[in-house]
Full PDB file with SEQRES, HELIX, SHEET, SSBOND, CRYST1, ORIGX, SCALE, CONECT and MASTER records, all heavy atoms in Angstrom:
SEQRES   1 A   37  CYS GLY ILE GLY ARG LYS THR GLY GLY ILE TRP HIS ALA          
SEQRES   2 A   37  PHE THR SER SER LEU PRO VAL ALA GLU GLU LEU VAL ASP          
SEQRES   3 A   37  MET GLY PHE LYS ILE GLY VAL GLY PRO ILE LEU                  
HELIX    1 AA1 ILE A    3  LYS A    6  1                                   4    
HELIX    2 AA2 LEU A   18  MET A   27  1                                  10    
SHEET    1 AA1 2 GLY A   9  TRP A  11  0                                        
SHEET    2 AA1 2 PHE A  29  ILE A  31  1                                        
CRYST1    1.000    1.000    1.000  90.00  90.00  90.00 P 1           1          
ORIGX1      1.000000  0.000000  0.000000        0.00000                         
ORIGX2      0.000000  1.000000  0.000000        0.00000                         
ORIGX3      0.000000  0.000000  1.000000        0.00000                         
SCALE1      1.000000  0.000000  0.000000        0.00000                         
SCALE2      0.000000  1.000000  0.000000        0.00000                         
SCALE3      0.000000  0.000000  1.000000        0.00000                         
ATOM      1  N   CYS A   1       0.803  -1.227   0.000  1.00  0.00           N  
ATOM      2  CA  CYS A   1       0.000   0.000   0.000  1.00  0.00           C  
ATOM      3  C   CYS A   1       0.834   1.273   0.000  1.00  0.00           C  
ATOM      4  O   CYS A   1       0.347   2.345  -0.347  1.00  0.00           O  
ATOM      5  CB  CYS A   1      -0.964   0.006   1.188  1.00  0.00           C  
ATOM      6  SG  CYS A   1      -0.166   0.293   2.781  1.00  0.00           S  
ATOM      7  N   GLY A   2       2.101   1.172   0.393  1.00  0.00           N  
ATOM      8  CA  GLY A   2       3.006   2.323   0.359  1.00  0.00           C  
ATOM      9  C   GLY A   2       2.632   3.450   1.294  1.00  0.00           C  
ATOM     10  O   GLY A   2       2.996   4.608   1.079  1.00  0.00           O  
ATOM     11  N   ILE A   3       1.936   3.132   2.377  1.00  0.00           N  
ATOM     12  CA  ILE A   3       1.441   4.177   3.263  1.00  0.00           C  
ATOM     13  C   ILE A   3       2.554   4.931   3.995  1.00  0.00           C  
ATOM     14  O   ILE A   3       2.403   6.105   4.339  1.00  0.00           O  
ATOM     15  CB  ILE A   3       0.434   3.595   4.287  1.00  0.00           C  
ATOM     16  CG1 ILE A   3      -0.342   4.726   4.973  1.00  0.00           C  
ATOM     17  CG2 ILE A   3       1.144   2.692   5.301  1.00  0.00           C  
ATOM     18  CD1 ILE A   3      -1.525   4.248   5.785  1.00  0.00           C  
ATOM     19  N   GLY A   4       3.685   4.266   4.223  1.00  0.00           N  
ATOM     20  CA  GLY A   4       4.767   4.903   4.958  1.00  0.00           C  
ATOM     21  C   GLY A   4       5.225   6.202   4.327  1.00  0.00           C  
ATOM     22  O   GLY A   4       5.442   7.204   5.009  1.00  0.00           O  
ATOM     23  N   ARG A   5       5.361   6.195   3.008  1.00  0.00           N  
ATOM     24  CA  ARG A   5       5.832   7.396   2.308  1.00  0.00           C  
ATOM     25  C   ARG A   5       4.712   8.388   2.036  1.00  0.00           C  
ATOM     26  O   ARG A   5       4.976   9.533   1.647  1.00  0.00           O  
ATOM     27  CB  ARG A   5       6.508   7.003   0.997  1.00  0.00           C  
ATOM     28  CG  ARG A   5       7.799   6.221   1.210  1.00  0.00           C  
ATOM     29  CD  ARG A   5       8.736   6.343   0.021  1.00  0.00           C  
ATOM     30  NE  ARG A   5      10.044   5.812   0.345  1.00  0.00           N  
ATOM     31  CZ  ARG A   5      10.994   6.484   0.973  1.00  0.00           C  
ATOM     32  NH1 ARG A   5      10.763   7.723   1.363  1.00  0.00           N  
ATOM     33  NH2 ARG A   5      12.165   5.935   1.224  1.00  0.00           N  
ATOM     34  N   LYS A   6       3.479   7.959   2.223  1.00  0.00           N  
ATOM     35  CA  LYS A   6       2.340   8.843   1.967  1.00  0.00           C  
ATOM     36  C   LYS A   6       1.880   9.582   3.228  1.00  0.00           C  
ATOM     37  O   LYS A   6       1.647  10.788   3.196  1.00  0.00           O  
ATOM     38  CB  LYS A   6       1.184   8.036   1.373  1.00  0.00           C  
ATOM     39  CG  LYS A   6       1.525   7.439   0.012  1.00  0.00           C  
ATOM     40  CD  LYS A   6       0.430   6.505  -0.479  1.00  0.00           C  
ATOM     41  CE  LYS A   6       0.804   5.872  -1.814  1.00  0.00           C  
ATOM     42  NZ  LYS A   6      -0.212   4.882  -2.277  1.00  0.00           N  
ATOM     43  N   THR A   7       1.736   8.853   4.312  1.00  0.00           N  
ATOM     44  CA  THR A   7       1.262   9.493   5.553  1.00  0.00           C  
ATOM     45  C   THR A   7       2.252   9.331   6.705  1.00  0.00           C  
ATOM     46  O   THR A   7       2.195  10.064   7.677  1.00  0.00           O  
ATOM     47  CB  THR A   7      -0.086   8.905   6.005  1.00  0.00           C  
ATOM     48  OG1 THR A   7       0.112   7.557   6.464  1.00  0.00           O  
ATOM     49  CG2 THR A   7      -1.091   8.900   4.871  1.00  0.00           C  
ATOM     50  N   GLY A   8       3.147   8.329   6.608  1.00  0.00           N  
ATOM     51  CA  GLY A   8       4.064   8.049   7.709  1.00  0.00           C  
ATOM     52  C   GLY A   8       3.408   7.193   8.774  1.00  0.00           C  
ATOM     53  O   GLY A   8       2.206   6.886   8.713  1.00  0.00           O  
ATOM     54  N   GLY A   9       4.185   6.794   9.753  1.00  0.00           N  
ATOM     55  CA  GLY A   9       3.659   5.976  10.831  1.00  0.00           C  
ATOM     56  C   GLY A   9       4.752   5.544  11.775  1.00  0.00           C  
ATOM     57  O   GLY A   9       5.920   5.919  11.620  1.00  0.00           O  
ATOM     58  N   ILE A  10       4.359   4.762  12.770  1.00  0.00           N  
ATOM     59  CA  ILE A  10       5.286   4.252  13.785  1.00  0.00           C  
ATOM     60  C   ILE A  10       5.109   2.747  13.898  1.00  0.00           C  
ATOM     61  O   ILE A  10       3.983   2.253  13.985  1.00  0.00           O  
ATOM     62  CB  ILE A  10       5.018   4.894  15.162  1.00  0.00           C  
ATOM     63  CG1 ILE A  10       5.249   6.409  15.104  1.00  0.00           C  
ATOM     64  CG2 ILE A  10       5.913   4.259  16.237  1.00  0.00           C  
ATOM     65  CD1 ILE A  10       4.829   7.123  16.380  1.00  0.00           C  
ATOM     66  N   TRP A  11       6.230   2.031  13.881  1.00  0.00           N  
ATOM     67  CA  TRP A  11       6.198   0.600  14.213  1.00  0.00           C  
ATOM     68  C   TRP A  11       6.327   0.524  15.728  1.00  0.00           C  
ATOM     69  O   TRP A  11       7.401   0.690  16.287  1.00  0.00           O  
ATOM     70  CB  TRP A  11       7.320  -0.143  13.513  1.00  0.00           C  
ATOM     71  CG  TRP A  11       7.220  -1.645  13.625  1.00  0.00           C  
ATOM     72  CD1 TRP A  11       7.472  -2.397  14.739  1.00  0.00           C  
ATOM     73  CD2 TRP A  11       6.860  -2.574  12.580  1.00  0.00           C  
ATOM     74  NE1 TRP A  11       7.301  -3.724  14.465  1.00  0.00           N  
ATOM     75  CE2 TRP A  11       6.911  -3.872  13.144  1.00  0.00           C  
ATOM     76  CE3 TRP A  11       6.503  -2.439  11.244  1.00  0.00           C  
ATOM     77  CZ2 TRP A  11       6.632  -5.027  12.405  1.00  0.00           C  
ATOM     78  CZ3 TRP A  11       6.226  -3.584  10.513  1.00  0.00           C  
ATOM     79  CH2 TRP A  11       6.277  -4.851  11.089  1.00  0.00           C  
ATOM     80  N   HIS A  12       5.196   0.286  16.350  1.00  0.00           N  
ATOM     81  CA  HIS A  12       5.102   0.295  17.813  1.00  0.00           C  
ATOM     82  C   HIS A  12       5.849  -0.883  18.438  1.00  0.00           C  
ATOM     83  O   HIS A  12       5.849  -1.996  17.907  1.00  0.00           O  
ATOM     84  CB  HIS A  12       3.612   0.273  18.171  1.00  0.00           C  
ATOM     85  CG  HIS A  12       3.279  -0.290  19.508  1.00  0.00           C  
ATOM     86  ND1 HIS A  12       3.721   0.264  20.685  1.00  0.00           N  
ATOM     87  CD2 HIS A  12       2.520  -1.366  19.856  1.00  0.00           C  
ATOM     88  CE1 HIS A  12       3.253  -0.442  21.702  1.00  0.00           C  
ATOM     89  NE2 HIS A  12       2.533  -1.432  21.228  1.00  0.00           N  
ATOM     90  N   ALA A  13       6.502  -0.634  19.580  1.00  0.00           N  
ATOM     91  CA  ALA A  13       7.173  -1.678  20.375  1.00  0.00           C  
ATOM     92  C   ALA A  13       8.124  -2.502  19.527  1.00  0.00           C  
ATOM     93  O   ALA A  13       8.104  -3.738  19.555  1.00  0.00           O  
ATOM     94  CB  ALA A  13       6.140  -2.573  21.053  1.00  0.00           C  
ATOM     95  N   PHE A  14       8.996  -1.828  18.812  1.00  0.00           N  
ATOM     96  CA  PHE A  14       9.914  -2.515  17.909  1.00  0.00           C  
ATOM     97  C   PHE A  14      10.872  -3.428  18.679  1.00  0.00           C  
ATOM     98  O   PHE A  14      11.469  -3.037  19.676  1.00  0.00           O  
ATOM     99  CB  PHE A  14      10.728  -1.496  17.108  1.00  0.00           C  
ATOM    100  CG  PHE A  14      11.629  -2.121  16.092  1.00  0.00           C  
ATOM    101  CD1 PHE A  14      11.134  -2.484  14.854  1.00  0.00           C  
ATOM    102  CD2 PHE A  14      12.970  -2.369  16.379  1.00  0.00           C  
ATOM    103  CE1 PHE A  14      11.961  -3.085  13.908  1.00  0.00           C  
ATOM    104  CE2 PHE A  14      13.797  -2.956  15.447  1.00  0.00           C  
ATOM    105  CZ  PHE A  14      13.295  -3.323  14.204  1.00  0.00           C  
ATOM    106  N   THR A  15      11.026  -4.662  18.179  1.00  0.00           N  
ATOM    107  CA  THR A  15      11.949  -5.622  18.798  1.00  0.00           C  
ATOM    108  C   THR A  15      12.719  -6.411  17.750  1.00  0.00           C  
ATOM    109  O   THR A  15      13.450  -7.344  18.093  1.00  0.00           O  
ATOM    110  CB  THR A  15      11.203  -6.625  19.704  1.00  0.00           C  
ATOM    111  OG1 THR A  15      10.221  -7.327  18.932  1.00  0.00           O  
ATOM    112  CG2 THR A  15      10.539  -5.931  20.878  1.00  0.00           C  
ATOM    113  N   SER A  16      12.569  -6.075  16.490  1.00  0.00           N  
ATOM    114  CA  SER A  16      13.170  -6.873  15.428  1.00  0.00           C  
ATOM    115  C   SER A  16      14.614  -6.444  15.163  1.00  0.00           C  
ATOM    116  O   SER A  16      15.211  -5.704  15.932  1.00  0.00           O  
ATOM    117  CB  SER A  16      12.316  -6.769  14.161  1.00  0.00           C  
ATOM    118  OG  SER A  16      12.645  -7.785  13.246  1.00  0.00           O  
ATOM    119  N   SER A  17      15.161  -6.907  14.046  1.00  0.00           N  
ATOM    120  CA  SER A  17      16.573  -6.699  13.736  1.00  0.00           C  
ATOM    121  C   SER A  17      16.836  -5.328  13.134  1.00  0.00           C  
ATOM    122  O   SER A  17      15.921  -4.637  12.673  1.00  0.00           O  
ATOM    123  CB  SER A  17      17.045  -7.773  12.754  1.00  0.00           C  
ATOM    124  OG  SER A  17      16.382  -7.625  11.508  1.00  0.00           O  
ATOM    125  N   LEU A  18      18.107  -4.956  13.091  1.00  0.00           N  
ATOM    126  CA  LEU A  18      18.502  -3.687  12.499  1.00  0.00           C  
ATOM    127  C   LEU A  18      18.136  -3.616  11.014  1.00  0.00           C  
ATOM    128  O   LEU A  18      17.620  -2.581  10.570  1.00  0.00           O  
ATOM    129  CB  LEU A  18      20.000  -3.453  12.696  1.00  0.00           C  
ATOM    130  CG  LEU A  18      20.577  -2.188  12.052  1.00  0.00           C  
ATOM    131  CD1 LEU A  18      19.877  -0.948  12.577  1.00  0.00           C  
ATOM    132  CD2 LEU A  18      22.087  -2.105  12.300  1.00  0.00           C  
ATOM    133  N   PRO A  19      18.353  -4.674  10.215  1.00  0.00           N  
ATOM    134  CA  PRO A  19      17.936  -4.597   8.805  1.00  0.00           C  
ATOM    135  C   PRO A  19      16.439  -4.309   8.636  1.00  0.00           C  
ATOM    136  O   PRO A  19      16.046  -3.559   7.736  1.00  0.00           O  
ATOM    137  CB  PRO A  19      18.310  -5.977   8.249  1.00  0.00           C  
ATOM    138  CG  PRO A  19      19.453  -6.414   9.096  1.00  0.00           C  
ATOM    139  CD  PRO A  19      19.137  -5.906  10.471  1.00  0.00           C  
ATOM    140  N   VAL A  20      15.597  -4.903   9.484  1.00  0.00           N  
ATOM    141  CA  VAL A  20      14.159  -4.634   9.420  1.00  0.00           C  
ATOM    142  C   VAL A  20      13.893  -3.168   9.772  1.00  0.00           C  
ATOM    143  O   VAL A  20      13.095  -2.494   9.102  1.00  0.00           O  
ATOM    144  CB  VAL A  20      13.376  -5.560  10.367  1.00  0.00           C  
ATOM    145  CG1 VAL A  20      11.917  -5.111  10.480  1.00  0.00           C  
ATOM    146  CG2 VAL A  20      13.432  -6.998   9.874  1.00  0.00           C  
ATOM    147  N   ALA A  21      14.554  -2.682  10.809  1.00  0.00           N  
ATOM    148  CA  ALA A  21      14.386  -1.277  11.198  1.00  0.00           C  
ATOM    149  C   ALA A  21      14.800  -0.354  10.070  1.00  0.00           C  
ATOM    150  O   ALA A  21      14.115   0.640   9.777  1.00  0.00           O  
ATOM    151  CB  ALA A  21      15.206  -0.984  12.458  1.00  0.00           C  
ATOM    152  N   GLU A  22      15.893  -0.660   9.425  1.00  0.00           N  
ATOM    153  CA  GLU A  22      16.379   0.181   8.325  1.00  0.00           C  
ATOM    154  C   GLU A  22      15.401   0.174   7.157  1.00  0.00           C  
ATOM    155  O   GLU A  22      15.179   1.213   6.518  1.00  0.00           O  
ATOM    156  CB  GLU A  22      17.759  -0.302   7.886  1.00  0.00           C  
ATOM    157  CG  GLU A  22      18.846  -0.038   8.927  1.00  0.00           C  
ATOM    158  CD  GLU A  22      20.177  -0.665   8.568  1.00  0.00           C  
ATOM    159  OE1 GLU A  22      20.187  -1.678   7.833  1.00  0.00           O  
ATOM    160  OE2 GLU A  22      21.220  -0.148   9.029  1.00  0.00           O  
ATOM    161  N   GLU A  23      14.812  -0.984   6.867  1.00  0.00           N  
ATOM    162  CA  GLU A  23      13.812  -1.035   5.792  1.00  0.00           C  
ATOM    163  C   GLU A  23      12.587  -0.207   6.151  1.00  0.00           C  
ATOM    164  O   GLU A  23      12.041   0.512   5.310  1.00  0.00           O  
ATOM    165  CB  GLU A  23      13.402  -2.472   5.492  1.00  0.00           C  
ATOM    166  CG  GLU A  23      12.361  -2.544   4.377  1.00  0.00           C  
ATOM    167  CD  GLU A  23      11.966  -3.954   3.980  1.00  0.00           C  
ATOM    168  OE1 GLU A  23      12.462  -4.909   4.598  1.00  0.00           O  
ATOM    169  OE2 GLU A  23      11.154  -4.090   3.047  1.00  0.00           O  
ATOM    170  N   LEU A  24      12.135  -0.320   7.411  1.00  0.00           N  
ATOM    171  CA  LEU A  24      10.982   0.463   7.848  1.00  0.00           C  
ATOM    172  C   LEU A  24      11.247   1.961   7.711  1.00  0.00           C  
ATOM    173  O   LEU A  24      10.388   2.713   7.241  1.00  0.00           O  
ATOM    174  CB  LEU A  24      10.632   0.120   9.295  1.00  0.00           C  
ATOM    175  CG  LEU A  24       9.911  -1.204   9.509  1.00  0.00           C  
ATOM    176  CD1 LEU A  24       9.899  -1.574  10.988  1.00  0.00           C  
ATOM    177  CD2 LEU A  24       8.477  -1.132   8.977  1.00  0.00           C  
ATOM    178  N   VAL A  25      12.422   2.379   8.110  1.00  0.00           N  
ATOM    179  CA  VAL A  25      12.774   3.798   8.009  1.00  0.00           C  
ATOM    180  C   VAL A  25      12.799   4.221   6.544  1.00  0.00           C  
ATOM    181  O   VAL A  25      12.307   5.295   6.180  1.00  0.00           O  
ATOM    182  CB  VAL A  25      14.138   4.069   8.683  1.00  0.00           C  
ATOM    183  CG1 VAL A  25      14.597   5.497   8.412  1.00  0.00           C  
ATOM    184  CG2 VAL A  25      14.034   3.821  10.183  1.00  0.00           C  
ATOM    185  N   ASP A  26      13.334   3.360   5.688  1.00  0.00           N  
ATOM    186  CA  ASP A  26      13.369   3.650   4.261  1.00  0.00           C  
ATOM    187  C   ASP A  26      11.961   3.730   3.677  1.00  0.00           C  
ATOM    188  O   ASP A  26      11.704   4.471   2.726  1.00  0.00           O  
ATOM    189  CB  ASP A  26      14.170   2.571   3.529  1.00  0.00           C  
ATOM    190  CG  ASP A  26      14.382   2.913   2.059  1.00  0.00           C  
ATOM    191  OD1 ASP A  26      14.971   3.972   1.775  1.00  0.00           O  
ATOM    192  OD2 ASP A  26      13.937   2.131   1.195  1.00  0.00           O  
ATOM    193  N   MET A  27      11.015   2.986   4.287  1.00  0.00           N  
ATOM    194  CA  MET A  27       9.622   2.997   3.845  1.00  0.00           C  
ATOM    195  C   MET A  27       8.856   4.199   4.381  1.00  0.00           C  
ATOM    196  O   MET A  27       7.706   4.431   3.991  1.00  0.00           O  
ATOM    197  CB  MET A  27       8.924   1.709   4.301  1.00  0.00           C  
ATOM    198  CG  MET A  27       9.415   0.451   3.600  1.00  0.00           C  
ATOM    199  SD  MET A  27       8.801  -1.068   4.402  1.00  0.00           S  
ATOM    200  CE  MET A  27       7.025  -0.898   4.172  1.00  0.00           C  
ATOM    201  N   GLY A  28       9.464   4.956   5.290  1.00  0.00           N  
ATOM    202  CA  GLY A  28       8.827   6.153   5.813  1.00  0.00           C  
ATOM    203  C   GLY A  28       8.305   6.047   7.227  1.00  0.00           C  
ATOM    204  O   GLY A  28       7.586   6.936   7.702  1.00  0.00           O  
ATOM    205  N   PHE A  29       8.681   4.972   7.945  1.00  0.00           N  
ATOM    206  CA  PHE A  29       8.185   4.761   9.306  1.00  0.00           C  
ATOM    207  C   PHE A  29       9.201   5.200  10.355  1.00  0.00           C  
ATOM    208  O   PHE A  29      10.410   5.196  10.125  1.00  0.00           O  
ATOM    209  CB  PHE A  29       7.838   3.287   9.530  1.00  0.00           C  
ATOM    210  CG  PHE A  29       6.564   2.858   8.870  1.00  0.00           C  
ATOM    211  CD1 PHE A  29       6.566   2.398   7.562  1.00  0.00           C  
ATOM    212  CD2 PHE A  29       5.348   2.959   9.539  1.00  0.00           C  
ATOM    213  CE1 PHE A  29       5.394   2.020   6.935  1.00  0.00           C  
ATOM    214  CE2 PHE A  29       4.164   2.589   8.923  1.00  0.00           C  
ATOM    215  CZ  PHE A  29       4.188   2.116   7.611  1.00  0.00           C  
ATOM    216  N   LYS A  30       8.677   5.563  11.525  1.00  0.00           N  
ATOM    217  CA  LYS A  30       9.484   5.795  12.709  1.00  0.00           C  
ATOM    218  C   LYS A  30       9.510   4.515  13.543  1.00  0.00           C  
ATOM    219  O   LYS A  30       8.612   3.678  13.437  1.00  0.00           O  
ATOM    220  CB  LYS A  30       8.902   6.928  13.567  1.00  0.00           C  
ATOM    221  CG  LYS A  30       8.626   8.219  12.826  1.00  0.00           C  
ATOM    222  CD  LYS A  30       9.883   8.889  12.347  1.00  0.00           C  
ATOM    223  CE  LYS A  30       9.553  10.240  11.700  1.00  0.00           C  
ATOM    224  NZ  LYS A  30      10.753  10.848  11.062  1.00  0.00           N  
ATOM    225  N   ILE A  31      10.514   4.397  14.379  1.00  0.00           N  
ATOM    226  CA  ILE A  31      10.660   3.243  15.257  1.00  0.00           C  
ATOM    227  C   ILE A  31      10.256   3.638  16.676  1.00  0.00           C  
ATOM    228  O   ILE A  31      10.849   4.543  17.271  1.00  0.00           O  
ATOM    229  CB  ILE A  31      12.112   2.710  15.250  1.00  0.00           C  
ATOM    230  CG1 ILE A  31      12.533   2.351  13.821  1.00  0.00           C  
ATOM    231  CG2 ILE A  31      12.244   1.525  16.186  1.00  0.00           C  
ATOM    232  CD1 ILE A  31      11.683   1.291  13.160  1.00  0.00           C  
ATOM    233  N   GLY A  32       9.225   2.962  17.211  1.00  0.00           N  
ATOM    234  CA  GLY A  32       8.769   3.243  18.564  1.00  0.00           C  
ATOM    235  C   GLY A  32       9.664   2.568  19.593  1.00  0.00           C  
ATOM    236  O   GLY A  32       9.752   1.342  19.634  1.00  0.00           O  
ATOM    237  N   VAL A  33      10.321   3.380  20.417  1.00  0.00           N  
ATOM    238  CA  VAL A  33      11.257   2.869  21.423  1.00  0.00           C  
ATOM    239  C   VAL A  33      10.632   3.040  22.805  1.00  0.00           C  
ATOM    240  O   VAL A  33      10.319   4.159  23.216  1.00  0.00           O  
ATOM    241  CB  VAL A  33      12.609   3.609  21.361  1.00  0.00           C  
ATOM    242  CG1 VAL A  33      13.589   2.997  22.360  1.00  0.00           C  
ATOM    243  CG2 VAL A  33      13.179   3.578  19.952  1.00  0.00           C  
ATOM    244  N   GLY A  34      10.451   1.928  23.505  1.00  0.00           N  
ATOM    245  CA  GLY A  34       9.807   1.966  24.807  1.00  0.00           C  
ATOM    246  C   GLY A  34      10.564   1.210  25.868  1.00  0.00           C  
ATOM    247  O   GLY A  34      11.780   0.976  25.743  1.00  0.00           O  
ATOM    248  N   PRO A  35       9.870   0.808  26.934  1.00  0.00           N  
ATOM    249  CA  PRO A  35      10.509   0.144  28.076  1.00  0.00           C  
ATOM    250  C   PRO A  35      11.239  -1.153  27.752  1.00  0.00           C  
ATOM    251  O   PRO A  35      12.042  -1.613  28.569  1.00  0.00           O  
ATOM    252  CB  PRO A  35       9.325  -0.119  29.020  1.00  0.00           C  
ATOM    253  CG  PRO A  35       8.341   0.947  28.688  1.00  0.00           C  
ATOM    254  CD  PRO A  35       8.453   1.108  27.206  1.00  0.00           C  
ATOM    255  N   ILE A  36      10.978  -1.749  26.588  1.00  0.00           N  
ATOM    256  CA  ILE A  36      11.745  -2.935  26.188  1.00  0.00           C  
ATOM    257  C   ILE A  36      13.231  -2.623  26.187  1.00  0.00           C  
ATOM    258  O   ILE A  36      14.066  -3.476  26.502  1.00  0.00           O  
ATOM    259  CB  ILE A  36      11.293  -3.426  24.795  1.00  0.00           C  
ATOM    260  CG1 ILE A  36       9.863  -3.961  24.855  1.00  0.00           C  
ATOM    261  CG2 ILE A  36      12.234  -4.499  24.250  1.00  0.00           C  
ATOM    262  CD1 ILE A  36       9.271  -4.312  23.506  1.00  0.00           C  
ATOM    263  N   LEU A  37      13.571  -1.379  25.868  1.00  0.00           N  
ATOM    264  CA  LEU A  37      14.975  -0.964  25.824  1.00  0.00           C  
ATOM    265  C   LEU A  37      15.646  -1.072  27.183  1.00  0.00           C  
ATOM    266  O   LEU A  37      16.872  -1.218  27.274  1.00  0.00           O  
ATOM    267  CB  LEU A  37      15.070   0.479  25.318  1.00  0.00           C  
ATOM    268  CG  LEU A  37      16.473   1.016  25.039  1.00  0.00           C  
ATOM    269  CD1 LEU A  37      17.115   0.289  23.871  1.00  0.00           C  
ATOM    270  CD2 LEU A  37      16.417   2.522  24.759  1.00  0.00           C  
TER     271      LEU A  37                                                      
MASTER        0    0    0    2    2    0    0    6  270    1    0    3          
END                                                                             
């Protein structure tokens, strides 16, 4: 749907790998950083 580059968004409670995070950022998303850290 390409929504990341159209409206943006946040991947809530991110716990995945750095490559996944980098792809999400490239798609237009922010990374939600919370108490998991």
